N, C-alpha and C. Protein backbone atom coordinates (compact mmCIF):
# COMPACT_ATOMS: atom_id res chain seq x y z
N UNK A 1 101.05 154.39 132.33
CA UNK A 1 102.42 154.58 132.76
C UNK A 1 102.97 155.85 132.12
N UNK A 2 103.69 156.62 132.89
CA UNK A 2 104.25 157.89 132.41
C UNK A 2 105.57 157.68 131.70
N UNK A 3 105.83 158.50 130.71
CA UNK A 3 107.13 158.56 130.07
C UNK A 3 107.71 159.92 130.43
N UNK A 4 108.75 159.92 131.23
CA UNK A 4 109.30 161.18 131.73
C UNK A 4 110.29 161.76 130.74
N UNK A 5 110.17 163.06 130.53
CA UNK A 5 111.05 163.74 129.58
C UNK A 5 112.33 164.23 130.23
N UNK A 6 112.37 164.22 131.57
CA UNK A 6 113.57 164.66 132.28
C UNK A 6 113.57 164.04 133.67
N UNK A 7 114.75 163.95 134.28
CA UNK A 7 114.80 163.47 135.67
C UNK A 7 113.96 164.35 136.59
N UNK A 8 113.92 165.65 136.32
CA UNK A 8 113.16 166.55 137.18
C UNK A 8 111.67 166.25 137.11
N UNK A 9 111.16 165.95 135.91
CA UNK A 9 109.73 165.65 135.81
C UNK A 9 109.40 164.36 136.55
N UNK A 10 110.30 163.40 136.53
CA UNK A 10 110.09 162.16 137.29
C UNK A 10 110.10 162.45 138.79
N UNK A 11 111.04 163.27 139.23
CA UNK A 11 111.10 163.61 140.65
C UNK A 11 109.90 164.44 141.09
N UNK A 12 109.43 165.31 140.22
CA UNK A 12 108.23 166.08 140.55
C UNK A 12 107.04 165.14 140.75
N UNK A 13 106.93 164.15 139.88
CA UNK A 13 105.85 163.18 140.01
C UNK A 13 106.03 162.34 141.27
N UNK A 14 107.26 161.96 141.57
CA UNK A 14 107.57 161.20 142.78
C UNK A 14 107.13 161.98 144.02
N UNK A 15 107.40 163.27 144.03
CA UNK A 15 106.99 164.13 145.14
C UNK A 15 105.47 164.18 145.27
N UNK A 16 104.79 164.27 144.12
CA UNK A 16 103.32 164.28 144.14
C UNK A 16 102.76 162.96 144.68
N UNK A 17 103.38 161.85 144.33
CA UNK A 17 102.94 160.55 144.83
C UNK A 17 103.08 160.49 146.34
N UNK A 18 104.21 160.97 146.86
CA UNK A 18 104.42 161.00 148.31
C UNK A 18 103.34 161.86 148.98
N UNK A 19 103.10 163.04 148.41
CA UNK A 19 102.07 163.93 148.97
C UNK A 19 100.69 163.28 148.94
N UNK A 20 100.40 162.59 147.84
CA UNK A 20 99.10 161.93 147.71
C UNK A 20 98.96 160.81 148.74
N UNK A 21 100.00 160.02 148.93
CA UNK A 21 99.96 158.96 149.95
C UNK A 21 99.72 159.54 151.33
N UNK A 22 100.39 160.65 151.64
CA UNK A 22 100.23 161.28 152.95
C UNK A 22 98.80 161.80 153.12
N UNK A 23 98.26 162.43 152.08
CA UNK A 23 96.90 162.96 152.17
C UNK A 23 95.88 161.84 152.34
N UNK A 24 96.06 160.76 151.59
CA UNK A 24 95.14 159.62 151.71
C UNK A 24 95.22 158.98 153.09
N UNK A 25 96.42 158.92 153.64
CA UNK A 25 96.58 158.34 154.97
C UNK A 25 95.91 159.22 156.03
N UNK A 26 96.02 160.53 155.86
CA UNK A 26 95.35 161.44 156.80
C UNK A 26 93.83 161.24 156.76
N UNK A 27 93.29 161.08 155.57
CA UNK A 27 91.85 160.82 155.45
C UNK A 27 91.48 159.49 156.09
N UNK A 28 92.31 158.48 155.85
CA UNK A 28 92.05 157.16 156.43
C UNK A 28 92.08 157.23 157.96
N UNK A 29 93.03 157.96 158.49
CA UNK A 29 93.19 158.05 159.95
C UNK A 29 91.98 158.72 160.61
N UNK A 30 91.23 159.53 159.86
CA UNK A 30 90.06 160.21 160.41
C UNK A 30 88.81 159.32 160.40
N UNK A 31 88.90 158.17 159.77
CA UNK A 31 87.76 157.26 159.73
C UNK A 31 87.48 156.70 161.12
N UNK A 32 86.28 156.24 161.34
CA UNK A 32 86.00 155.58 162.61
C UNK A 32 86.77 154.26 162.67
N UNK A 33 87.46 154.06 163.74
CA UNK A 33 88.23 152.84 164.02
C UNK A 33 89.23 152.48 162.91
N UNK A 34 90.15 153.38 162.61
CA UNK A 34 91.17 153.04 161.62
C UNK A 34 92.13 151.99 162.20
N UNK A 35 92.72 151.23 161.33
CA UNK A 35 93.68 150.19 161.73
C UNK A 35 95.02 150.85 162.04
N UNK A 36 95.41 150.84 163.30
CA UNK A 36 96.65 151.49 163.73
C UNK A 36 97.89 150.88 163.10
N UNK A 37 97.90 149.55 162.93
CA UNK A 37 99.05 148.89 162.32
C UNK A 37 99.21 149.34 160.86
N UNK A 38 98.11 149.49 160.17
CA UNK A 38 98.14 149.96 158.78
C UNK A 38 98.68 151.39 158.73
N UNK A 39 98.21 152.23 159.63
CA UNK A 39 98.68 153.62 159.68
C UNK A 39 100.18 153.66 159.94
N UNK A 40 100.66 152.87 160.89
CA UNK A 40 102.10 152.83 161.18
C UNK A 40 102.89 152.36 159.97
N UNK A 41 102.40 151.32 159.30
CA UNK A 41 103.09 150.78 158.13
C UNK A 41 103.15 151.83 157.01
N UNK A 42 102.04 152.50 156.76
CA UNK A 42 102.01 153.52 155.71
C UNK A 42 102.88 154.73 156.07
N UNK A 43 102.89 155.11 157.34
CA UNK A 43 103.75 156.20 157.78
C UNK A 43 105.22 155.87 157.53
N UNK A 44 105.61 154.63 157.82
CA UNK A 44 107.00 154.21 157.57
C UNK A 44 107.32 154.24 156.08
N UNK A 45 106.37 153.80 155.27
CA UNK A 45 106.57 153.84 153.82
C UNK A 45 106.74 155.27 153.33
N UNK A 46 105.88 156.16 153.77
CA UNK A 46 105.96 157.57 153.37
C UNK A 46 107.28 158.18 153.84
N UNK A 47 107.69 157.87 155.05
CA UNK A 47 108.96 158.37 155.57
C UNK A 47 110.12 157.88 154.72
N UNK A 48 110.11 156.59 154.37
CA UNK A 48 111.20 156.02 153.57
C UNK A 48 111.23 156.65 152.17
N UNK A 49 110.08 156.80 151.56
CA UNK A 49 110.02 157.44 150.24
C UNK A 49 110.52 158.88 150.30
N UNK A 50 110.18 159.58 151.35
CA UNK A 50 110.64 160.96 151.53
C UNK A 50 112.15 161.00 151.71
N UNK A 51 112.70 160.06 152.46
CA UNK A 51 114.16 160.00 152.64
C UNK A 51 114.85 159.73 151.31
N UNK A 52 114.29 158.84 150.50
CA UNK A 52 114.87 158.55 149.19
C UNK A 52 114.83 159.80 148.31
N UNK A 53 113.68 160.46 148.27
CA UNK A 53 113.53 161.68 147.48
C UNK A 53 114.56 162.72 147.92
N UNK A 54 114.67 162.93 149.23
CA UNK A 54 115.62 163.92 149.75
C UNK A 54 117.05 163.53 149.44
N UNK A 55 117.35 162.24 149.46
CA UNK A 55 118.70 161.78 149.13
C UNK A 55 119.05 162.07 147.68
N UNK A 56 118.10 161.87 146.80
CA UNK A 56 118.34 162.12 145.38
C UNK A 56 118.54 163.61 145.13
N UNK A 57 117.67 164.43 145.69
CA UNK A 57 117.75 165.87 145.42
C UNK A 57 118.86 166.56 146.20
N UNK A 58 119.51 165.83 147.11
CA UNK A 58 120.60 166.42 147.90
C UNK A 58 121.93 166.41 147.15
N UNK A 59 121.98 165.81 145.97
CA UNK A 59 123.22 165.85 145.19
C UNK A 59 123.65 167.30 145.02
N UNK A 60 124.92 167.56 145.27
CA UNK A 60 125.41 168.94 145.25
C UNK A 60 125.15 169.62 143.91
N UNK A 61 125.32 168.90 142.83
CA UNK A 61 125.16 169.48 141.50
C UNK A 61 123.93 168.90 140.81
N UNK A 62 122.89 168.66 141.58
CA UNK A 62 121.68 168.04 141.06
C UNK A 62 121.13 168.78 139.84
N UNK A 63 121.02 170.09 139.93
CA UNK A 63 120.46 170.86 138.81
C UNK A 63 121.30 170.69 137.55
N UNK A 64 122.61 170.67 137.72
CA UNK A 64 123.49 170.49 136.56
C UNK A 64 123.31 169.10 135.96
N UNK A 65 123.24 168.08 136.81
CA UNK A 65 123.10 166.71 136.30
C UNK A 65 121.79 166.53 135.55
N UNK A 66 120.72 167.06 136.10
CA UNK A 66 119.43 166.91 135.42
C UNK A 66 119.40 167.69 134.10
N UNK A 67 120.01 168.87 134.08
CA UNK A 67 120.07 169.63 132.84
C UNK A 67 120.92 168.89 131.80
N UNK A 68 122.04 168.33 132.24
CA UNK A 68 122.90 167.57 131.32
C UNK A 68 122.17 166.35 130.77
N UNK A 69 121.47 165.65 131.62
CA UNK A 69 120.71 164.48 131.19
C UNK A 69 119.69 164.85 130.12
N UNK A 70 119.00 165.95 130.32
CA UNK A 70 118.01 166.41 129.35
C UNK A 70 118.68 166.77 128.03
N UNK A 71 119.80 167.49 128.10
CA UNK A 71 120.52 167.87 126.88
C UNK A 71 121.06 166.65 126.14
N UNK A 72 121.59 165.69 126.88
CA UNK A 72 122.12 164.48 126.26
C UNK A 72 121.02 163.69 125.55
N UNK A 73 119.87 163.59 126.16
CA UNK A 73 118.75 162.89 125.52
C UNK A 73 118.33 163.60 124.24
N UNK A 74 118.28 164.92 124.30
CA UNK A 74 117.89 165.70 123.12
C UNK A 74 118.91 165.51 121.99
N UNK A 75 120.19 165.55 122.32
CA UNK A 75 121.23 165.35 121.31
C UNK A 75 121.18 163.94 120.74
N UNK A 76 120.92 162.96 121.59
CA UNK A 76 120.86 161.57 121.15
C UNK A 76 119.69 161.36 120.18
N UNK A 77 118.59 162.07 120.41
CA UNK A 77 117.45 161.99 119.49
C UNK A 77 117.79 162.62 118.14
N UNK A 78 118.59 163.68 118.18
CA UNK A 78 119.00 164.35 116.95
C UNK A 78 119.98 163.48 116.16
N UNK A 79 120.91 162.85 116.88
CA UNK A 79 121.92 162.00 116.24
C UNK A 79 122.12 160.74 117.06
N UNK A 80 121.46 159.64 116.70
CA UNK A 80 121.57 158.40 117.48
C UNK A 80 122.96 157.76 117.43
N UNK A 81 123.85 158.27 116.57
CA UNK A 81 125.19 157.71 116.46
C UNK A 81 126.18 158.32 117.44
N UNK A 82 125.75 159.28 118.24
CA UNK A 82 126.63 159.88 119.24
C UNK A 82 127.07 158.78 120.21
N UNK A 83 128.37 158.70 120.45
CA UNK A 83 128.88 157.65 121.34
C UNK A 83 129.48 158.21 122.63
N UNK A 84 129.47 159.52 122.79
CA UNK A 84 130.00 160.13 124.01
C UNK A 84 129.84 161.64 123.97
N UNK A 85 130.17 162.27 125.07
CA UNK A 85 130.01 163.72 125.19
C UNK A 85 131.23 164.32 125.87
N UNK A 86 131.64 165.49 125.40
CA UNK A 86 132.61 166.30 126.12
C UNK A 86 131.80 167.35 126.86
N UNK A 87 132.00 167.44 128.16
CA UNK A 87 131.22 168.36 128.99
C UNK A 87 132.17 169.26 129.76
N UNK A 88 131.96 170.55 129.65
CA UNK A 88 132.72 171.54 130.40
C UNK A 88 131.77 172.02 131.50
N UNK A 89 132.01 171.60 132.72
CA UNK A 89 131.11 171.90 133.83
C UNK A 89 131.80 172.81 134.83
N UNK A 90 131.37 174.05 134.90
CA UNK A 90 131.95 175.01 135.83
C UNK A 90 131.22 174.90 137.16
N UNK A 91 132.00 174.76 138.26
CA UNK A 91 131.42 174.64 139.60
C UNK A 91 131.67 175.88 140.45
N UNK A 92 132.51 176.79 139.94
CA UNK A 92 132.75 178.06 140.62
C UNK A 92 132.76 179.16 139.56
N UNK A 93 132.36 180.38 139.93
CA UNK A 93 132.23 181.43 138.92
C UNK A 93 133.55 181.92 138.34
N UNK A 94 134.65 181.71 139.05
CA UNK A 94 135.94 182.23 138.58
C UNK A 94 136.99 181.12 138.62
N UNK A 95 138.06 181.32 137.87
CA UNK A 95 139.17 180.38 137.86
C UNK A 95 139.17 179.51 136.62
N UNK A 96 140.36 178.97 136.33
CA UNK A 96 140.52 178.11 135.16
C UNK A 96 141.25 176.82 135.50
N UNK A 97 141.08 176.34 136.71
CA UNK A 97 141.71 175.10 137.13
C UNK A 97 140.68 173.98 136.99
N UNK A 98 140.78 173.22 135.91
CA UNK A 98 139.80 172.19 135.61
C UNK A 98 140.44 170.81 135.74
N UNK A 99 139.65 169.85 136.12
CA UNK A 99 140.09 168.46 136.22
C UNK A 99 139.34 167.65 135.16
N UNK A 100 140.02 166.65 134.62
CA UNK A 100 139.40 165.77 133.63
C UNK A 100 138.80 164.57 134.35
N UNK A 101 137.55 164.32 134.10
CA UNK A 101 136.89 163.13 134.62
C UNK A 101 136.49 162.30 133.41
N UNK A 102 136.99 161.10 133.35
CA UNK A 102 136.62 160.21 132.26
C UNK A 102 135.82 159.06 132.83
N UNK A 103 134.64 158.86 132.31
CA UNK A 103 133.76 157.81 132.80
C UNK A 103 133.38 156.91 131.64
N UNK A 104 133.69 155.63 131.75
CA UNK A 104 133.36 154.68 130.71
C UNK A 104 132.75 153.44 131.36
N UNK A 105 131.44 153.31 131.32
CA UNK A 105 130.80 152.16 131.97
C UNK A 105 130.91 150.87 131.16
N UNK A 106 131.58 150.91 130.01
CA UNK A 106 131.66 149.72 129.15
C UNK A 106 133.01 149.05 129.24
């Protein structure tokens, strides 16, 4: 079992798994008398996994979220007593109109 160091590394592996499933299915389909129902079922699975992957990576600020997650994990390892983070996240190159977002899942 893998231990992922970042959301991006997990997604990279997820993408490789999808590619591997597709490649294996292509090889299976070239066999003599492949099971059509199995091929259809696997195609649907690969399609669904691809849709999930695309949905995750379609987040508008995906790169920022994954970078923040990595930084937060690194800081938490340095100081396990950290109980929260102040984050200044710029979404446009100019301007100083910022909104406060407070998130408390507890």
